[in-house]
Structures are given as C-alpha cells and as structure tokens.
Amino acid sequence: MQRKNKILLSSLIIVGVVFVFMNSLVLSKEVISTEFVLGENMGFDLSPGKLNFGQIVPGNSASREITIENNFDKKIKISIKSSGEISKNIIVSENNFILNPSESKNITFSAYTDGLTEFRSYNGKIIIISKRA
C-alpha cells in the first residue's frame, strides 16, 4: 500500500512540474535597442528599428509609444524588462498584463534624465516577453 502511495505522489509531482514548465515557456521574445542623448537642446529621432527618444535636456523627459499585439490563438502574458545603462531611466506605462487573442495594447515608454549629468548617448535594450497566460 505504501508503495502505491509513493508512486501516486511521484506521479502527481511530475504532472505538477510539467504543468508549471509548460505554463512558463516563452512564446516569443522581442529585443528592441533603445537610446537617448543628454544634450543642451531638445531633439527627436524617428529612426525605424529602435526605440529612440532623441535628445533630452537635463531635468526633462521624452516618451514613445509602441503597440503590442497578441498574434497567438491563446491568451498571453506580456512582461517588459529593460537592460543596459538606460534601464534605470526608463519607465513603462504598463507591465505584466494579459492580452487575449487578436487584442492589442498601446504602451508608453518614458525616458527621464534624473541623475545624469554627462552630455552623451545613453543606450540599452527593451525586452518584451510573451508567455502563456
């Protein structure tokens, strides 16, 4: 009887681990280069292929908006992360949200110059991860 209980418990643990693993699989990962320049005058850059905030005057900010769309046939959870030297100066309007199939959402990214004093380019990456909801 104890052997049956051990086998049943082991089976339940395996099923649970597989369930957690399947739900944590990354469906897609988009990496977007991002940049702003700390400078004396405001300026903008609409270069395609990256999230560029242009030139920002100290003490000010700039914002850019992107649209995230669910092209999968199931609900997905979107997580947004930033990396690189720019990461502590980027704020995202919404994070860790669910999108239904064919649903889209506009997300605003804002770059702030707080704590920066050197006039130069600041770079990093925005990582958008889609997982099963």
C-alpha atoms as a PDB file:
ATOM      1  CA  MET A   1       0.000   0.000   0.000  1.00  0.00           C
ATOM      2  CA  GLN A   2       2.795   2.445   0.863  1.00  0.00           C
ATOM      3  CA  ARG A   3       4.465   1.698  -2.484  1.00  0.00           C
ATOM      4  CA  LYS A   4       1.230   2.658  -4.309  1.00  0.00           C
ATOM      5  CA  ASN A   5       1.073   5.928  -2.353  1.00  0.00           C
ATOM      6  CA  LYS A   6       4.690   6.732  -3.230  1.00  0.00           C
ATOM      7  CA  ILE A   7       4.055   6.044  -6.916  1.00  0.00           C
ATOM      8  CA  LEU A   8       0.896   8.170  -6.861  1.00  0.00           C
ATOM      9  CA  LEU A   9       2.685  11.023  -5.081  1.00  0.00           C
ATOM     10  CA  SER A  10       5.611  10.834  -7.514  1.00  0.00           C
ATOM     11  CA  SER A  11       3.207  10.897 -10.466  1.00  0.00           C
ATOM     12  CA  LEU A  12       1.401  13.951  -9.101  1.00  0.00           C
ATOM     13  CA  ILE A  13       4.692  15.764  -8.560  1.00  0.00           C
ATOM     14  CA  ILE A  14       5.800  15.006 -12.135  1.00  0.00           C
ATOM     15  CA  VAL A  15       2.478  16.212 -13.554  1.00  0.00           C
ATOM     16  CA  GLY A  16       2.725  19.388 -11.457  1.00  0.00           C
ATOM     17  CA  VAL A  17       6.283  20.091 -12.618  1.00  0.00           C
ATOM     18  CA  VAL A  18       5.290  19.539 -16.265  1.00  0.00           C
ATOM     19  CA  PHE A  19       2.270  21.855 -15.831  1.00  0.00           C
ATOM     20  CA  VAL A  20       4.409  24.632 -14.311  1.00  0.00           C
ATOM     21  CA  PHE A  21       7.075  24.173 -17.000  1.00  0.00           C
ATOM     22  CA  MET A  22       4.545  24.312 -19.863  1.00  0.00           C
ATOM     23  CA  ASN A  23       2.982  27.496 -18.494  1.00  0.00           C
ATOM     24  CA  SER A  24       6.337  29.206 -18.104  1.00  0.00           C
ATOM     25  CA  LEU A  25       7.508  28.610 -21.684  1.00  0.00           C
ATOM     26  CA  VAL A  26       8.399  31.743 -23.580  1.00  0.00           C
ATOM     27  CA  LEU A  27       6.287  32.022 -26.739  1.00  0.00           C
ATOM     28  CA  SER A  28       8.218  34.989 -28.112  1.00  0.00           C
ATOM     29  CA  LYS A  29      10.914  37.426 -27.085  1.00  0.00           C
ATOM     30  CA  GLU A  30      11.436  40.769 -28.819  1.00  0.00           C
ATOM     31  CA  VAL A  31      14.583  42.775 -28.087  1.00  0.00           C
ATOM     32  CA  ILE A  32      14.471  46.449 -29.078  1.00  0.00           C
ATOM     33  CA  SER A  33      17.545  48.686 -28.953  1.00  0.00           C
ATOM     34  CA  THR A  34      16.848  51.959 -27.197  1.00  0.00           C
ATOM     35  CA  GLU A  35      18.741  55.200 -26.828  1.00  0.00           C
ATOM     36  CA  PHE A  36      18.595  58.848 -25.842  1.00  0.00           C
ATOM     37  CA  VAL A  37      21.144  61.638 -25.881  1.00  0.00           C
ATOM     38  CA  LEU A  38      21.541  64.001 -22.946  1.00  0.00           C
ATOM     39  CA  GLY A  39      22.191  67.391 -24.525  1.00  0.00           C
ATOM     40  CA  GLU A  40      21.668  71.146 -24.424  1.00  0.00           C
ATOM     41  CA  ASN A  41      18.687  71.207 -26.823  1.00  0.00           C
ATOM     42  CA  MET A  42      15.638  69.005 -27.302  1.00  0.00           C
ATOM     43  CA  GLY A  43      15.615  66.945 -30.474  1.00  0.00           C
ATOM     44  CA  PHE A  44      13.913  63.861 -31.845  1.00  0.00           C
ATOM     45  CA  ASP A  45      14.917  60.863 -33.916  1.00  0.00           C
ATOM     46  CA  LEU A  46      12.328  58.705 -35.658  1.00  0.00           C
ATOM     47  CA  SER A  47      14.768  56.077 -36.942  1.00  0.00           C
ATOM     48  CA  PRO A  48      12.981  52.769 -37.602  1.00  0.00           C
ATOM     49  CA  GLY A  49      14.014  49.584 -35.852  1.00  0.00           C
ATOM     50  CA  LYS A  50      14.780  51.017 -32.438  1.00  0.00           C
ATOM     51  CA  LEU A  51      13.118  52.918 -29.636  1.00  0.00           C
ATOM     52  CA  ASN A  52      14.925  56.235 -29.847  1.00  0.00           C
ATOM     53  CA  PHE A  53      13.996  59.115 -27.555  1.00  0.00           C
ATOM     54  CA  GLY A  54      16.186  61.658 -29.344  1.00  0.00           C
ATOM     55  CA  GLN A  55      17.997  64.385 -27.455  1.00  0.00           C
ATOM     56  CA  ILE A  56      16.704  65.311 -23.997  1.00  0.00           C
ATOM     57  CA  VAL A  57      17.642  68.378 -21.933  1.00  0.00           C
ATOM     58  CA  PRO A  58      18.685  67.681 -18.308  1.00  0.00           C
ATOM     59  CA  GLY A  59      15.678  67.624 -15.973  1.00  0.00           C
ATOM     60  CA  ASN A  60      13.247  66.734 -18.776  1.00  0.00           C
ATOM     61  CA  SER A  61      11.846  63.565 -20.293  1.00  0.00           C
ATOM     62  CA  ALA A  62      10.673  62.128 -23.601  1.00  0.00           C
ATOM     63  CA  SER A  63       8.071  59.458 -24.364  1.00  0.00           C
ATOM     64  CA  ARG A  64       7.499  56.982 -27.173  1.00  0.00           C
ATOM     65  CA  GLU A  65       4.581  54.646 -27.710  1.00  0.00           C
ATOM     66  CA  ILE A  66       4.529  51.180 -29.242  1.00  0.00           C
ATOM     67  CA  THR A  67       1.665  48.792 -29.896  1.00  0.00           C
ATOM     68  CA  ILE A  68       1.903  45.216 -28.635  1.00  0.00           C
ATOM     69  CA  GLU A  69      -0.411  42.722 -30.315  1.00  0.00           C
ATOM     70  CA  ASN A  70      -1.291  39.119 -29.483  1.00  0.00           C
ATOM     71  CA  ASN A  71      -0.962  37.110 -32.709  1.00  0.00           C
ATOM     72  CA  PHE A  72      -1.376  33.782 -30.910  1.00  0.00           C
ATOM     73  CA  ASP A  73      -4.611  31.791 -30.648  1.00  0.00           C
ATOM     74  CA  LYS A  74      -4.454  31.800 -26.833  1.00  0.00           C
ATOM     75  CA  LYS A  75      -4.183  34.342 -24.024  1.00  0.00           C
ATOM     76  CA  ILE A  76      -0.647  35.534 -23.372  1.00  0.00           C
ATOM     77  CA  LYS A  77       1.070  37.366 -20.550  1.00  0.00           C
ATOM     78  CA  ILE A  78       3.367  40.209 -21.568  1.00  0.00           C
ATOM     79  CA  SER A  79       6.377  41.121 -19.423  1.00  0.00           C
ATOM     80  CA  ILE A  80       8.586  44.079 -20.261  1.00  0.00           C
ATOM     81  CA  LYS A  81      12.132  44.479 -18.971  1.00  0.00           C
ATOM     82  CA  SER A  82      14.916  46.917 -19.690  1.00  0.00           C
ATOM     83  CA  SER A  83      18.663  46.375 -19.603  1.00  0.00           C
ATOM     84  CA  GLY A  84      21.813  48.378 -20.039  1.00  0.00           C
ATOM     85  CA  GLU A  85      22.783  51.785 -18.742  1.00  0.00           C
ATOM     86  CA  ILE A  86      19.445  53.276 -19.795  1.00  0.00           C
ATOM     87  CA  SER A  87      17.356  50.848 -17.704  1.00  0.00           C
ATOM     88  CA  LYS A  88      17.206  52.957 -14.534  1.00  0.00           C
ATOM     89  CA  ASN A  89      15.961  55.930 -16.570  1.00  0.00           C
ATOM     90  CA  ILE A  90      13.102  54.162 -18.396  1.00  0.00           C
ATOM     91  CA  ILE A  91       9.542  53.862 -17.087  1.00  0.00           C
ATOM     92  CA  VAL A  92       6.912  51.766 -18.851  1.00  0.00           C
ATOM     93  CA  SER A  93       3.215  52.704 -18.594  1.00  0.00           C
ATOM     94  CA  GLU A  94       2.021  49.143 -18.015  1.00  0.00           C
ATOM     95  CA  ASN A  95       3.749  45.829 -17.371  1.00  0.00           C
ATOM     96  CA  ASN A  96       2.853  42.200 -16.673  1.00  0.00           C
ATOM     97  CA  PHE A  97      -0.514  42.252 -18.416  1.00  0.00           C
ATOM     98  CA  ILE A  98      -2.693  39.725 -20.262  1.00  0.00           C
ATOM     99  CA  LEU A  99      -3.701  40.009 -23.921  1.00  0.00           C
ATOM    100  CA  ASN A 100      -6.482  37.940 -25.458  1.00  0.00           C
ATOM    101  CA  PRO A 101      -6.068  36.543 -28.993  1.00  0.00           C
ATOM    102  CA  SER A 102      -6.008  39.373 -31.589  1.00  0.00           C
ATOM    103  CA  GLU A 103      -6.037  42.003 -28.820  1.00  0.00           C
ATOM    104  CA  SER A 104      -3.524  44.855 -28.886  1.00  0.00           C
ATOM    105  CA  LYS A 105      -2.419  47.474 -26.376  1.00  0.00           C
ATOM    106  CA  ASN A 106      -0.533  50.748 -26.688  1.00  0.00           C
ATOM    107  CA  ILE A 107       2.346  51.001 -24.225  1.00  0.00           C
ATOM    108  CA  THR A 108       4.200  54.233 -23.466  1.00  0.00           C
ATOM    109  CA  PHE A 109       7.902  54.237 -22.619  1.00  0.00           C
ATOM    110  CA  SER A 110       9.280  57.356 -20.935  1.00  0.00           C
ATOM    111  CA  ALA A 111      12.951  58.247 -20.600  1.00  0.00           C
ATOM    112  CA  TYR A 112      13.966  60.507 -17.728  1.00  0.00           C
ATOM    113  CA  THR A 113      17.304  62.275 -17.273  1.00  0.00           C
ATOM    114  CA  ASP A 114      17.249  62.256 -13.458  1.00  0.00           C
ATOM    115  CA  GLY A 115      20.726  61.734 -12.045  1.00  0.00           C
ATOM    116  CA  LEU A 116      22.510  62.117 -15.400  1.00  0.00           C
ATOM    117  CA  THR A 117      24.993  64.936 -15.925  1.00  0.00           C
ATOM    118  CA  GLU A 118      27.288  63.921 -18.781  1.00  0.00           C
ATOM    119  CA  PHE A 119      26.196  65.079 -22.252  1.00  0.00           C
ATOM    120  CA  ARG A 120      26.391  61.889 -24.306  1.00  0.00           C
ATOM    121  CA  SER A 121      24.375  58.986 -25.660  1.00  0.00           C
ATOM    122  CA  TYR A 122      22.785  56.517 -23.209  1.00  0.00           C
ATOM    123  CA  ASN A 123      21.897  53.063 -24.570  1.00  0.00           C
ATOM    124  CA  GLY A 124      20.146  49.882 -23.587  1.00  0.00           C
ATOM    125  CA  LYS A 125      17.541  47.349 -24.609  1.00  0.00           C
ATOM    126  CA  ILE A 126      13.834  46.842 -24.060  1.00  0.00           C
ATOM    127  CA  ILE A 127      12.879  43.157 -23.840  1.00  0.00           C
ATOM    128  CA  ILE A 128       9.256  42.179 -24.444  1.00  0.00           C
ATOM    129  CA  ILE A 129       8.476  38.591 -23.408  1.00  0.00           C
ATOM    130  CA  SER A 130       5.267  36.748 -24.291  1.00  0.00           C
ATOM    131  CA  LYS A 131       4.322  33.700 -22.212  1.00  0.00           C
ATOM    132  CA  ARG A 132       1.225  31.574 -21.980  1.00  0.00           C
ATOM    133  CA  ALA A 133      -1.284  33.179 -19.627  1.00  0.00           C
END
